[in-house]
Amino acid sequence: MKAILVGLGGRGRGWLKDLKENPECEVVACVEPMAENKARAVKDFGVSESILFDDLNTAVKKVKADFVVDVTPPAVHHKVAHTAFENGLHVLGEKPLSDKYEIAREVVEAGKRAGVKHMITQNYRWAGLPRTTKRLLGEGRVGPVGQLDVSLYVDWADAPGSHYVKEPYMFLTDMGIHHFDMMRYTLGTDCVSARAFTWNLPWGWHQGDACQIIIFKMANGVIATHRGIGCTMGHVPAGHNGEWRYDGPKGTLTWEGSKLFHTLKHKQNPQIRDEIALDEKGTGGPKVLLADFLAALKAKQQPECNAEDNLKSVGMVFAALKSAQEGGREVKLSEL
């Protein structure tokens, strides 16, 4: 299948490598306005200058393609998507759908009207921990989950000049979508409302809030909490995955680093402390996402992380953001 790659920055070049290594793909055009990034693609990946374009509108007029891979900043995603839709091209886009909920919703509807496939690269849910957890919950390993608690402690975005340092609520809006999407995925349900409190620590290097406590109410009655510190100076126990705890009447499932445990310690039951081997399927990363996207195109069906489904995870971000901005008021997703 013929692909147009939009964006040749650091992450875009990673996608270029994966596209070129996939035998089912042919990169027929690359779109990038910056001369420096173009030069790197030519030098490091052997990209022909004849397929380099400054904008997507020009590229779609010059080449025949099947889909677009969008690796541009969030504020540009809707422009790339609309151009692709207008030309009948499918879209594999980096998260998030948009930096504004109203625009994200409109883009989803535009893709549906165009009759094309639109997938968002929500890569965290493809790793072994969430895939195995979802299976175990479906099998009733701990019984019906009543509460899910997620903690994330990282020294996040500490590189000099990072745009994350300058923008408000970026820990919530950038990192949050990964965890919120995994909450929905593993629990098999959607979110009803969010209540959020955010702040920064005295030594925090972010101009916006880099700490948060969020309480989500899920449609199946589960209470899910997300507690995060993005400017920790100490121990980072689980990297960007965070620590997860699913509580049910038959014990807990916990993510401890890269390991998954089932624990039952109630005195009326035989005690259990089992490490569970992770399912082989799902290592995360662009290659897995690309394979699912291509399979969906061939089968003429929606990919797992399709934009319409992803909008529900985006809604969790913006409901939490609205709550934080309004002093912790409970915000229903239906308000958005």
C-alpha atoms as a PDB file:
ATOM      1  CA  MET A   1       0.000   0.000   0.000  1.00  0.00           C
ATOM      2  CA  LYS A   2       1.216   3.488  -0.840  1.00  0.00           C
ATOM      3  CA  ALA A   3       1.796   5.918   2.025  1.00  0.00           C
ATOM      4  CA  ILE A   4       2.334   9.645   2.401  1.00  0.00           C
ATOM      5  CA  LEU A   5       4.258  10.520   5.556  1.00  0.00           C
ATOM      6  CA  VAL A   6       3.525  13.981   6.931  1.00  0.00           C
ATOM      7  CA  GLY A   7       6.223  15.167   9.329  1.00  0.00           C
ATOM      8  CA  LEU A   8       9.939  14.320   9.311  1.00  0.00           C
ATOM      9  CA  GLY A   9      10.900  15.379  12.819  1.00  0.00           C
ATOM     10  CA  GLY A  10      12.399  12.900  15.267  1.00  0.00           C
ATOM     11  CA  ARG A  11       9.257  10.793  15.644  1.00  0.00           C
ATOM     12  CA  GLY A  12       8.425  11.181  11.965  1.00  0.00           C
ATOM     13  CA  ARG A  13      11.795   9.702  11.006  1.00  0.00           C
ATOM     14  CA  GLY A  14      11.013   6.768  13.282  1.00  0.00           C
ATOM     15  CA  TRP A  15       7.805   6.203  11.346  1.00  0.00           C
ATOM     16  CA  LEU A  16       9.741   6.538   8.087  1.00  0.00           C
ATOM     17  CA  LYS A  17      12.028   3.712   9.172  1.00  0.00           C
ATOM     18  CA  ASP A  18       9.108   1.451  10.104  1.00  0.00           C
ATOM     19  CA  LEU A  19       7.225   2.207   6.896  1.00  0.00           C
ATOM     20  CA  LYS A  20      10.275   1.459   4.770  1.00  0.00           C
ATOM     21  CA  GLU A  21      10.877  -1.818   6.621  1.00  0.00           C
ATOM     22  CA  ASN A  22       7.298  -3.003   6.137  1.00  0.00           C
ATOM     23  CA  PRO A  23       7.067  -5.077   2.935  1.00  0.00           C
ATOM     24  CA  GLU A  24       3.427  -4.088   2.479  1.00  0.00           C
ATOM     25  CA  CYS A  25       4.199  -0.362   2.366  1.00  0.00           C
ATOM     26  CA  GLU A  26       5.717   1.995  -0.148  1.00  0.00           C
ATOM     27  CA  VAL A  27       6.446   5.575   0.879  1.00  0.00           C
ATOM     28  CA  VAL A  28       5.487   7.603  -2.192  1.00  0.00           C
ATOM     29  CA  ALA A  29       5.762  11.064  -0.623  1.00  0.00           C
ATOM     30  CA  CYS A  30       7.061  12.833   2.479  1.00  0.00           C
ATOM     31  CA  VAL A  31       5.734  16.207   3.585  1.00  0.00           C
ATOM     32  CA  GLU A  32       7.968  18.476   5.645  1.00  0.00           C
ATOM     33  CA  PRO A  33       8.381  22.286   5.556  1.00  0.00           C
ATOM     34  CA  MET A  34      11.774  22.386   7.349  1.00  0.00           C
ATOM     35  CA  ALA A  35      14.836  22.066   5.102  1.00  0.00           C
ATOM     36  CA  GLU A  36      16.929  20.561   7.909  1.00  0.00           C
ATOM     37  CA  ASN A  37      14.500  17.680   8.434  1.00  0.00           C
ATOM     38  CA  LYS A  38      14.290  17.050   4.703  1.00  0.00           C
ATOM     39  CA  ALA A  39      18.074  16.878   4.480  1.00  0.00           C
ATOM     40  CA  ARG A  40      18.217  14.310   7.297  1.00  0.00           C
ATOM     41  CA  ALA A  41      15.659  12.123   5.531  1.00  0.00           C
ATOM     42  CA  VAL A  42      17.708  12.229   2.327  1.00  0.00           C
ATOM     43  CA  LYS A  43      21.019  11.557   4.088  1.00  0.00           C
ATOM     44  CA  ASP A  44      19.952   8.989   6.685  1.00  0.00           C
ATOM     45  CA  PHE A  45      17.160   7.146   4.870  1.00  0.00           C
ATOM     46  CA  GLY A  46      17.946   7.621   1.204  1.00  0.00           C
ATOM     47  CA  VAL A  47      14.693   9.463   0.502  1.00  0.00           C
ATOM     48  CA  SER A  48      14.610  10.837  -3.033  1.00  0.00           C
ATOM     49  CA  GLU A  49      14.268  14.595  -3.182  1.00  0.00           C
ATOM     50  CA  SER A  50      11.656  14.074  -5.905  1.00  0.00           C
ATOM     51  CA  ILE A  51       9.131  12.786  -3.338  1.00  0.00           C
ATOM     52  CA  LEU A  52       9.704  15.571  -0.790  1.00  0.00           C
ATOM     53  CA  PHE A  53       6.993  18.225  -0.577  1.00  0.00           C
ATOM     54  CA  ASP A  54       6.371  21.297   1.536  1.00  0.00           C
ATOM     55  CA  ASP A  55       2.659  20.646   2.064  1.00  0.00           C
ATOM     56  CA  LEU A  56       0.146  17.813   1.794  1.00  0.00           C
ATOM     57  CA  ASN A  57      -2.062  19.598  -0.749  1.00  0.00           C
ATOM     58  CA  THR A  58       0.785  19.549  -3.255  1.00  0.00           C
ATOM     59  CA  ALA A  59       1.743  15.969  -2.479  1.00  0.00           C
ATOM     60  CA  VAL A  60      -1.733  14.515  -3.074  1.00  0.00           C
ATOM     61  CA  LYS A  61      -1.824  16.185  -6.491  1.00  0.00           C
ATOM     62  CA  LYS A  62       1.522  14.712  -7.504  1.00  0.00           C
ATOM     63  CA  VAL A  63       1.321  11.115  -6.270  1.00  0.00           C
ATOM     64  CA  LYS A  64      -1.218   8.315  -5.967  1.00  0.00           C
ATOM     65  CA  ALA A  65      -1.536   7.021  -2.405  1.00  0.00           C
ATOM     66  CA  ASP A  66      -3.743   4.869  -0.174  1.00  0.00           C
ATOM     67  CA  PHE A  67      -3.176   6.457   3.211  1.00  0.00           C
ATOM     68  CA  VAL A  68      -1.502   9.234   5.168  1.00  0.00           C
ATOM     69  CA  VAL A  69       0.615   8.887   8.305  1.00  0.00           C
ATOM     70  CA  ASP A  70       0.268  12.112  10.307  1.00  0.00           C
ATOM     71  CA  VAL A  71       3.194  12.931  12.618  1.00  0.00           C
ATOM     72  CA  THR A  72       2.528  16.653  13.020  1.00  0.00           C
ATOM     73  CA  PRO A  73       1.830  18.741  16.171  1.00  0.00           C
ATOM     74  CA  PRO A  74      -1.660  18.276  17.707  1.00  0.00           C
ATOM     75  CA  ALA A  75      -2.889  21.680  16.554  1.00  0.00           C
ATOM     76  CA  VAL A  76      -2.290  20.653  12.923  1.00  0.00           C
ATOM     77  CA  HIS A  77      -3.861  17.179  12.996  1.00  0.00           C
ATOM     78  CA  HIS A  78      -7.285  18.355  11.829  1.00  0.00           C
ATOM     79  CA  LYS A  79      -5.819  20.130   8.787  1.00  0.00           C
ATOM     80  CA  VAL A  80      -3.941  17.013   7.719  1.00  0.00           C
ATOM     81  CA  ALA A  81      -7.008  14.844   8.305  1.00  0.00           C
ATOM     82  CA  HIS A  82      -9.347  17.056   6.278  1.00  0.00           C
ATOM     83  CA  THR A  83      -6.950  17.178   3.331  1.00  0.00           C
ATOM     84  CA  ALA A  84      -6.626  13.393   3.422  1.00  0.00           C
ATOM     85  CA  PHE A  85     -10.397  12.866   3.725  1.00  0.00           C
ATOM     86  CA  GLU A  86     -11.107  15.230   0.836  1.00  0.00           C
ATOM     87  CA  ASN A  87      -8.824  13.094  -1.324  1.00  0.00           C
ATOM     88  CA  GLY A  88     -10.259   9.761  -0.204  1.00  0.00           C
ATOM     89  CA  LEU A  89      -7.191   8.770   1.819  1.00  0.00           C
ATOM     90  CA  HIS A  90      -7.188   6.789   5.040  1.00  0.00           C
ATOM     91  CA  VAL A  91      -5.331   8.287   8.016  1.00  0.00           C
ATOM     92  CA  LEU A  92      -3.047   6.821  10.650  1.00  0.00           C
ATOM     93  CA  GLY A  93      -2.521   9.732  13.012  1.00  0.00           C
ATOM     94  CA  GLU A  94      -0.373  10.314  16.069  1.00  0.00           C
ATOM     95  CA  LYS A  95      -2.276  11.002  19.262  1.00  0.00           C
ATOM     96  CA  PRO A  96      -4.043  13.131  20.285  1.00  0.00           C
ATOM     97  CA  LEU A  97      -6.877  13.601  17.829  1.00  0.00           C
ATOM     98  CA  SER A  98      -6.632  17.337  18.455  1.00  0.00           C
ATOM     99  CA  ASP A  99      -5.700  19.847  21.123  1.00  0.00           C
ATOM    100  CA  LYS A 100      -9.379  20.900  21.269  1.00  0.00           C
ATOM    101  CA  TYR A 101     -12.314  18.566  21.948  1.00  0.00           C
ATOM    102  CA  GLU A 102     -14.732  20.332  19.599  1.00  0.00           C
ATOM    103  CA  ILE A 103     -12.279  19.973  16.721  1.00  0.00           C
ATOM    104  CA  ALA A 104     -11.588  16.334  17.572  1.00  0.00           C
ATOM    105  CA  ARG A 105     -15.313  15.569  17.461  1.00  0.00           C
ATOM    106  CA  GLU A 106     -15.715  17.366  14.146  1.00  0.00           C
ATOM    107  CA  VAL A 107     -12.778  15.481  12.608  1.00  0.00           C
ATOM    108  CA  VAL A 108     -14.302  12.155  13.650  1.00  0.00           C
ATOM    109  CA  GLU A 109     -17.564  13.064  11.913  1.00  0.00           C
ATOM    110  CA  ALA A 110     -15.696  14.240   8.813  1.00  0.00           C
ATOM    111  CA  GLY A 111     -13.885  10.921   8.566  1.00  0.00           C
ATOM    112  CA  LYS A 112     -17.156   9.018   8.849  1.00  0.00           C
ATOM    113  CA  ARG A 113     -18.726  11.138   6.116  1.00  0.00           C
ATOM    114  CA  ALA A 114     -15.728  10.517   3.871  1.00  0.00           C
ATOM    115  CA  GLY A 115     -16.054   6.767   4.377  1.00  0.00           C
ATOM    116  CA  VAL A 116     -12.367   6.288   5.182  1.00  0.00           C
ATOM    117  CA  LYS A 117     -10.534   4.577   8.036  1.00  0.00           C
ATOM    118  CA  HIS A 118      -9.018   6.843  10.674  1.00  0.00           C
ATOM    119  CA  MET A 119      -6.801   5.307  13.359  1.00  0.00           C
ATOM    120  CA  ILE A 120      -5.049   7.012  16.278  1.00  0.00           C
ATOM    121  CA  THR A 121      -1.698   5.659  17.505  1.00  0.00           C
ATOM    122  CA  GLN A 122      -2.760   4.870  21.057  1.00  0.00           C
ATOM    123  CA  ASN A 123       0.232   2.579  21.514  1.00  0.00           C
ATOM    124  CA  TYR A 124       0.225   1.958  25.280  1.00  0.00           C
ATOM    125  CA  ARG A 125      -2.818  -0.333  25.128  1.00  0.00           C
ATOM    126  CA  TRP A 126      -0.934  -2.729  22.812  1.00  0.00           C
ATOM    127  CA  ALA A 127       1.688  -3.724  25.392  1.00  0.00           C
ATOM    128  CA  GLY A 128       1.663  -6.993  27.306  1.00  0.00           C
ATOM    129  CA  LEU A 129       0.407  -5.621  30.643  1.00  0.00           C
ATOM    130  CA  PRO A 130      -2.891  -4.127  29.400  1.00  0.00           C
ATOM    131  CA  ARG A 131      -3.539  -6.948  26.908  1.00  0.00           C
ATOM    132  CA  THR A 132      -3.087  -9.620  29.576  1.00  0.00           C
ATOM    133  CA  THR A 133      -5.024  -7.642  32.169  1.00  0.00           C
ATOM    134  CA  LYS A 134      -8.012  -7.218  29.874  1.00  0.00           C
ATOM    135  CA  ARG A 135      -8.089 -10.964  29.233  1.00  0.00           C
ATOM    136  CA  LEU A 136      -7.874 -11.830  32.929  1.00  0.00           C
ATOM    137  CA  LEU A 137     -10.623  -9.374  33.864  1.00  0.00           C
ATOM    138  CA  GLY A 138     -12.822 -10.841  31.144  1.00  0.00           C
ATOM    139  CA  GLU A 139     -12.195 -14.297  32.594  1.00  0.00           C
ATOM    140  CA  GLY A 140     -13.222 -13.090  36.067  1.00  0.00           C
ATOM    141  CA  ARG A 141      -9.815 -13.617  37.677  1.00  0.00           C
ATOM    142  CA  VAL A 142     -10.554 -11.126  40.489  1.00  0.00           C
ATOM    143  CA  GLY A 143     -14.318 -10.923  40.019  1.00  0.00           C
ATOM    144  CA  PRO A 144     -16.137  -7.701  39.097  1.00  0.00           C
ATOM    145  CA  VAL A 145     -13.728  -4.784  39.555  1.00  0.00           C
ATOM    146  CA  GLY A 146     -14.965  -2.149  41.988  1.00  0.00           C
ATOM    147  CA  GLN A 147     -12.031   0.251  41.918  1.00  0.00           C
ATOM    148  CA  LEU A 148      -9.030   0.967  39.732  1.00  0.00           C
ATOM    149  CA  ASP A 149      -6.163   3.106  41.039  1.00  0.00           C
ATOM    150  CA  VAL A 150      -3.330   4.381  38.866  1.00  0.00           C
ATOM    151  CA  SER A 151      -0.233   6.207  40.141  1.00  0.00           C
ATOM    152  CA  LEU A 152       2.363   7.820  37.908  1.00  0.00           C
ATOM    153  CA  TYR A 153       5.557   9.393  39.235  1.00  0.00           C
ATOM    154  CA  VAL A 154       8.053  10.614  36.644  1.00  0.00           C
ATOM    155  CA  ASP A 155      10.654  13.324  36.083  1.00  0.00           C
ATOM    156  CA  TRP A 156       8.753  14.291  32.986  1.00  0.00           C
ATOM    157  CA  ALA A 157       9.803  16.655  30.191  1.00  0.00           C
ATOM    158  CA  ASP A 158      12.942  17.937  31.880  1.00  0.00           C
ATOM    159  CA  ALA A 159      14.845  18.522  28.640  1.00  0.00           C
ATOM    160  CA  PRO A 160      15.786  22.214  28.172  1.00  0.00           C
ATOM    161  CA  GLY A 161      13.459  23.985  25.770  1.00  0.00           C
ATOM    162  CA  SER A 162      10.732  21.323  25.858  1.00  0.00           C
ATOM    163  CA  HIS A 163       7.371  22.808  24.871  1.00  0.00           C
ATOM    164  CA  TYR A 164       5.762  20.739  27.612  1.00  0.00           C
ATOM    165  CA  VAL A 165       7.414  22.993  30.186  1.00  0.00           C
ATOM    166  CA  LYS A 166       5.689  26.088  28.859  1.00  0.00           C
ATOM    167  CA  GLU A 167       2.122  24.955  28.271  1.00  0.00           C
ATOM    168  CA  PRO A 168      -0.576  24.649  30.974  1.00  0.00           C
ATOM    169  CA  TYR A 169      -1.840  21.230  32.107  1.00  0.00           C
ATOM    170  CA  MET A 170       0.440  19.399  29.685  1.00  0.00           C
ATOM    171  CA  PHE A 171       1.032  16.501  32.097  1.00  0.00           C
ATOM    172  CA  LEU A 172      -2.723  15.887  32.112  1.00  0.00           C
ATOM    173  CA  THR A 173      -3.350  16.488  28.430  1.00  0.00           C
ATOM    174  CA  ASP A 174      -0.310  14.694  26.995  1.00  0.00           C
ATOM    175  CA  MET A 175       0.484  11.813  29.354  1.00  0.00           C
ATOM    176  CA  GLY A 176      -3.098  11.472  30.559  1.00  0.00           C
ATOM    177  CA  ILE A 177      -4.533  10.191  27.291  1.00  0.00           C
ATOM    178  CA  HIS A 178      -2.327   7.075  27.425  1.00  0.00           C
ATOM    179  CA  HIS A 179      -3.555   6.038  30.855  1.00  0.00           C
ATOM    180  CA  PHE A 180      -7.165   7.088  30.348  1.00  0.00           C
ATOM    181  CA  ASP A 181      -7.324   5.039  27.147  1.00  0.00           C
ATOM    182  CA  MET A 182      -5.906   1.994  28.957  1.00  0.00           C
ATOM    183  CA  MET A 183      -8.508   2.457  31.704  1.00  0.00           C
ATOM    184  CA  ARG A 184     -11.303   2.227  29.137  1.00  0.00           C
ATOM    185  CA  TYR A 185      -9.628  -0.626  27.278  1.00  0.00           C
ATOM    186  CA  THR A 186      -8.872  -2.889  30.223  1.00  0.00           C
ATOM    187  CA  LEU A 187     -12.189  -2.277  32.021  1.00  0.00           C
ATOM    188  CA  GLY A 188     -14.200  -2.612  28.815  1.00  0.00           C
ATOM    189  CA  THR A 189     -16.321   0.417  29.602  1.00  0.00           C
ATOM    190  CA  ASP A 190     -16.497   4.170  29.030  1.00  0.00           C
ATOM    191  CA  CYS A 191     -16.205   7.125  31.362  1.00  0.00           C
ATOM    192  CA  VAL A 192     -19.219   9.065  32.654  1.00  0.00           C
ATOM    193  CA  SER A 193     -17.614  11.931  34.594  1.00  0.00           C
ATOM    194  CA  ALA A 194     -14.349  13.362  35.895  1.00  0.00           C
ATOM    195  CA  ARG A 195     -13.343  15.384  38.920  1.00  0.00           C
ATOM    196  CA  ALA A 196      -9.786  16.741  38.885  1.00  0.00           C
ATOM    197  CA  PHE A 197      -7.435  18.732  41.079  1.00  0.00           C
ATOM    198  CA  THR A 198      -4.086  19.875  39.687  1.00  0.00           C
ATOM    199  CA  TRP A 199      -1.109  21.801  41.084  1.00  0.00           C
ATOM    200  CA  ASN A 200       2.649  22.213  40.796  1.00  0.00           C
ATOM    201  CA  LEU A 201       5.309  21.558  43.406  1.00  0.00           C
ATOM    202  CA  PRO A 202       7.585  24.379  44.642  1.00  0.00           C
ATOM    203  CA  TRP A 203      10.582  22.987  42.739  1.00  0.00           C
ATOM    204  CA  GLY A 204       8.594  22.023  39.640  1.00  0.00           C
ATOM    205  CA  TRP A 205      10.178  23.104  36.361  1.00  0.00           C
ATOM    206  CA  HIS A 206       6.860  23.281  34.485  1.00  0.00           C
ATOM    207  CA  GLN A 207       5.035  26.589  34.137  1.00  0.00           C
ATOM    208  CA  GLY A 208       1.737  24.721  34.139  1.00  0.00           C
ATOM    209  CA  ASP A 209       0.466  22.168  36.652  1.00  0.00           C
ATOM    210  CA  ALA A 210       2.437  18.919  36.682  1.00  0.00           C
ATOM    211  CA  CYS A 211       0.642  17.141  39.538  1.00  0.00           C
ATOM    212  CA  GLN A 212      -2.896  15.795  39.624  1.00  0.00           C
ATOM    213  CA  ILE A 213      -5.521  13.686  41.315  1.00  0.00           C
ATOM    214  CA  ILE A 214      -8.472  12.718  39.137  1.00  0.00           C
ATOM    215  CA  ILE A 215     -11.540  10.680  40.025  1.00  0.00           C
ATOM    216  CA  PHE A 216     -13.364   9.090  37.108  1.00  0.00           C
ATOM    217  CA  LYS A 217     -16.777   7.459  37.309  1.00  0.00           C
ATOM    218  CA  MET A 218     -17.134   4.711  34.737  1.00  0.00           C
ATOM    219  CA  ALA A 219     -20.332   3.553  33.084  1.00  0.00           C
ATOM    220  CA  ASN A 220     -20.194   0.118  34.767  1.00  0.00           C
ATOM    221  CA  GLY A 221     -19.935   1.658  38.240  1.00  0.00           C
ATOM    222  CA  VAL A 222     -16.164   1.359  38.670  1.00  0.00           C
ATOM    223  CA  ILE A 223     -14.426   4.269  40.383  1.00  0.00           C
ATOM    224  CA  ALA A 224     -11.068   4.917  38.727  1.00  0.00           C
ATOM    225  CA  THR A 225      -8.473   7.273  40.177  1.00  0.00           C
ATOM    226  CA  HIS A 226      -5.382   8.759  38.573  1.00  0.00           C
ATOM    227  CA  ARG A 227      -2.696  10.239  40.788  1.00  0.00           C
ATOM    228  CA  GLY A 228       0.357  11.759  39.184  1.00  0.00           C
ATOM    229  CA  ILE A 229       3.486  13.784  39.852  1.00  0.00           C
ATOM    230  CA  GLY A 230       5.382  14.884  36.767  1.00  0.00           C
ATOM    231  CA  CYS A 231       8.256  16.577  38.576  1.00  0.00           C
ATOM    232  CA  THR A 232       9.444  13.970  41.055  1.00  0.00           C
ATOM    233  CA  MET A 233      13.048  14.195  42.234  1.00  0.00           C
ATOM    234  CA  GLY A 234      12.999  10.664  43.617  1.00  0.00           C
ATOM    235  CA  HIS A 235      12.096   7.083  42.829  1.00  0.00           C
ATOM    236  CA  VAL A 236      10.325   6.309  39.548  1.00  0.00           C
ATOM    237  CA  PRO A 237       8.876   2.857  40.250  1.00  0.00           C
ATOM    238  CA  ALA A 238       7.329   1.904  36.934  1.00  0.00           C
ATOM    239  CA  GLY A 239       8.365   4.378  34.272  1.00  0.00           C
ATOM    240  CA  HIS A 240       5.630   5.916  32.168  1.00  0.00           C
ATOM    241  CA  ASN A 241       3.423   2.857  32.572  1.00  0.00           C
ATOM    242  CA  GLY A 242       2.770   3.780  36.195  1.00  0.00           C
ATOM    243  CA  GLU A 243       1.519   1.496  38.942  1.00  0.00           C
ATOM    244  CA  TRP A 244      -1.952  -0.010  38.485  1.00  0.00           C
ATOM    245  CA  ARG A 245      -4.228  -1.746  40.982  1.00  0.00           C
ATOM    246  CA  TYR A 246      -7.540  -3.434  40.084  1.00  0.00           C
ATOM    247  CA  ASP A 247      -9.566  -4.350  43.198  1.00  0.00           C
ATOM    248  CA  GLY A 248     -12.183  -7.097  43.071  1.00  0.00           C
ATOM    249  CA  PRO A 249     -13.811  -9.573  45.500  1.00  0.00           C
ATOM    250  CA  LYS A 250     -11.285 -12.254  44.492  1.00  0.00           C
ATOM    251  CA  GLY A 251      -8.231 -10.102  45.108  1.00  0.00           C
ATOM    252  CA  THR A 252      -6.200  -7.621  43.105  1.00  0.00           C
ATOM    253  CA  LEU A 253      -4.381  -7.433  39.814  1.00  0.00           C
ATOM    254  CA  THR A 254      -1.377  -5.136  40.139  1.00  0.00           C
ATOM    255  CA  TRP A 255       1.175  -3.800  37.700  1.00  0.00           C
ATOM    256  CA  GLU A 256       4.494  -3.737  39.521  1.00  0.00           C
ATOM    257  CA  GLY A 257       7.158  -2.410  37.200  1.00  0.00           C
ATOM    258  CA  SER A 258       6.934  -4.640  34.132  1.00  0.00           C
ATOM    259  CA  LYS A 259       5.313  -7.497  36.057  1.00  0.00           C
ATOM    260  CA  LEU A 260       1.693  -8.491  36.671  1.00  0.00           C
ATOM    261  CA  PHE A 261       0.519 -10.092  39.926  1.00  0.00           C
ATOM    262  CA  HIS A 262      -2.687 -11.612  41.242  1.00  0.00           C
ATOM    263  CA  THR A 263      -2.877 -11.272  45.032  1.00  0.00           C
ATOM    264  CA  LEU A 264      -5.483 -12.482  47.531  1.00  0.00           C
ATOM    265  CA  LYS A 265      -4.793 -12.019  51.249  1.00  0.00           C
ATOM    266  CA  HIS A 266      -8.189 -12.024  52.950  1.00  0.00           C
ATOM    267  CA  LYS A 267      -7.997 -14.216  56.064  1.00  0.00           C
ATOM    268  CA  GLN A 268     -11.037 -16.283  55.060  1.00  0.00           C
ATOM    269  CA  ASN A 269      -9.416 -17.465  51.831  1.00  0.00           C
ATOM    270  CA  PRO A 270      -6.274 -19.363  50.840  1.00  0.00           C
ATOM    271  CA  GLN A 271      -3.662 -16.698  50.171  1.00  0.00           C
ATOM    272  CA  ILE A 272      -2.489 -16.120  46.614  1.00  0.00           C
ATOM    273  CA  ARG A 273       0.542 -14.271  45.332  1.00  0.00           C
ATOM    274  CA  ASP A 274       0.993 -15.285  41.695  1.00  0.00           C
ATOM    275  CA  GLU A 275       3.100 -13.573  39.059  1.00  0.00           C
ATOM    276  CA  ILE A 276       1.287 -13.925  35.754  1.00  0.00           C
ATOM    277  CA  ALA A 277       3.181 -14.432  32.515  1.00  0.00           C
ATOM    278  CA  LEU A 278       2.251 -11.749  29.997  1.00  0.00           C
ATOM    279  CA  ASP A 279       0.522 -12.696  26.775  1.00  0.00           C
ATOM    280  CA  GLU A 280       2.870 -12.780  23.830  1.00  0.00           C
ATOM    281  CA  LYS A 281       0.699 -10.518  21.718  1.00  0.00           C
ATOM    282  CA  GLY A 282       1.341  -6.849  22.067  1.00  0.00           C
ATOM    283  CA  THR A 283       4.652  -5.131  22.582  1.00  0.00           C
ATOM    284  CA  GLY A 284       3.454  -1.665  21.686  1.00  0.00           C
ATOM    285  CA  GLY A 285       5.231   0.615  19.237  1.00  0.00           C
ATOM    286  CA  PRO A 286       4.614   1.796  15.682  1.00  0.00           C
ATOM    287  CA  LYS A 287       5.185  -1.594  14.026  1.00  0.00           C
ATOM    288  CA  VAL A 288       2.280  -3.209  15.887  1.00  0.00           C
ATOM    289  CA  LEU A 289       0.024  -0.234  15.220  1.00  0.00           C
ATOM    290  CA  LEU A 290       0.936  -0.170  11.547  1.00  0.00           C
ATOM    291  CA  ALA A 291       0.228  -3.888  11.198  1.00  0.00           C
ATOM    292  CA  ASP A 292      -3.240  -3.478  12.758  1.00  0.00           C
ATOM    293  CA  PHE A 293      -3.979  -0.497  10.535  1.00  0.00           C
ATOM    294  CA  LEU A 294      -2.983  -2.322   7.352  1.00  0.00           C
ATOM    295  CA  ALA A 295      -4.977  -5.396   8.383  1.00  0.00           C
ATOM    296  CA  ALA A 296      -8.050  -3.216   8.927  1.00  0.00           C
ATOM    297  CA  LEU A 297      -7.665  -1.628   5.489  1.00  0.00           C
ATOM    298  CA  LYS A 298      -7.411  -5.022   3.814  1.00  0.00           C
ATOM    299  CA  ALA A 299     -10.396  -6.371   5.749  1.00  0.00           C
ATOM    300  CA  LYS A 300     -12.341  -3.153   5.119  1.00  0.00           C
ATOM    301  CA  GLN A 301     -13.164  -2.809   8.803  1.00  0.00           C
ATOM    302  CA  GLN A 302     -12.416  -0.308  11.553  1.00  0.00           C
ATOM    303  CA  PRO A 303      -9.032  -0.653  13.291  1.00  0.00           C
ATOM    304  CA  GLU A 304      -9.067  -1.187  17.052  1.00  0.00           C
ATOM    305  CA  CYS A 305      -7.910   2.344  17.879  1.00  0.00           C
ATOM    306  CA  ASN A 306     -10.253   4.030  15.432  1.00  0.00           C
ATOM    307  CA  ALA A 307     -10.880   7.746  15.857  1.00  0.00           C
ATOM    308  CA  GLU A 308     -14.514   7.360  16.892  1.00  0.00           C
ATOM    309  CA  ASP A 309     -13.521   5.083  19.770  1.00  0.00           C
ATOM    310  CA  ASN A 310     -10.534   7.259  20.643  1.00  0.00           C
ATOM    311  CA  LEU A 311     -12.793  10.294  21.018  1.00  0.00           C
ATOM    312  CA  LYS A 312     -14.109   8.672  24.206  1.00  0.00           C
ATOM    313  CA  SER A 313     -10.600   8.686  25.675  1.00  0.00           C
ATOM    314  CA  VAL A 314     -10.067  12.250  24.485  1.00  0.00           C
ATOM    315  CA  GLY A 315     -13.298  13.143  26.281  1.00  0.00           C
ATOM    316  CA  MET A 316     -11.780  11.950  29.564  1.00  0.00           C
ATOM    317  CA  VAL A 317      -8.881  14.362  29.070  1.00  0.00           C
ATOM    318  CA  PHE A 318     -11.073  17.358  28.395  1.00  0.00           C
ATOM    319  CA  ALA A 319     -13.579  16.571  31.128  1.00  0.00           C
ATOM    320  CA  ALA A 320     -10.696  16.376  33.614  1.00  0.00           C
ATOM    321  CA  LEU A 321      -9.220  19.580  32.222  1.00  0.00           C
ATOM    322  CA  LYS A 322     -12.529  21.411  32.545  1.00  0.00           C
ATOM    323  CA  SER A 323     -12.893  20.151  36.109  1.00  0.00           C
ATOM    324  CA  ALA A 324      -9.401  21.338  37.042  1.00  0.00           C
ATOM    325  CA  GLN A 325     -10.080  24.748  35.544  1.00  0.00           C
ATOM    326  CA  GLU A 326     -13.331  24.993  37.507  1.00  0.00           C
ATOM    327  CA  GLY A 327     -11.952  24.156  40.933  1.00  0.00           C
ATOM    328  CA  GLY A 328     -12.561  20.430  40.948  1.00  0.00           C
ATOM    329  CA  ARG A 329     -16.232  20.396  39.929  1.00  0.00           C
ATOM    330  CA  GLU A 330     -17.509  17.028  38.736  1.00  0.00           C
ATOM    331  CA  VAL A 331     -17.814  17.330  34.947  1.00  0.00           C
ATOM    332  CA  LYS A 332     -19.910  14.869  32.957  1.00  0.00           C
ATOM    333  CA  LEU A 333     -18.605  13.906  29.557  1.00  0.00           C
ATOM    334  CA  SER A 334     -22.047  14.681  28.174  1.00  0.00           C
ATOM    335  CA  GLU A 335     -21.298  18.366  28.893  1.00  0.00           C
ATOM    336  CA  LEU A 336     -18.490  18.506  26.364  1.00  0.00           C
END
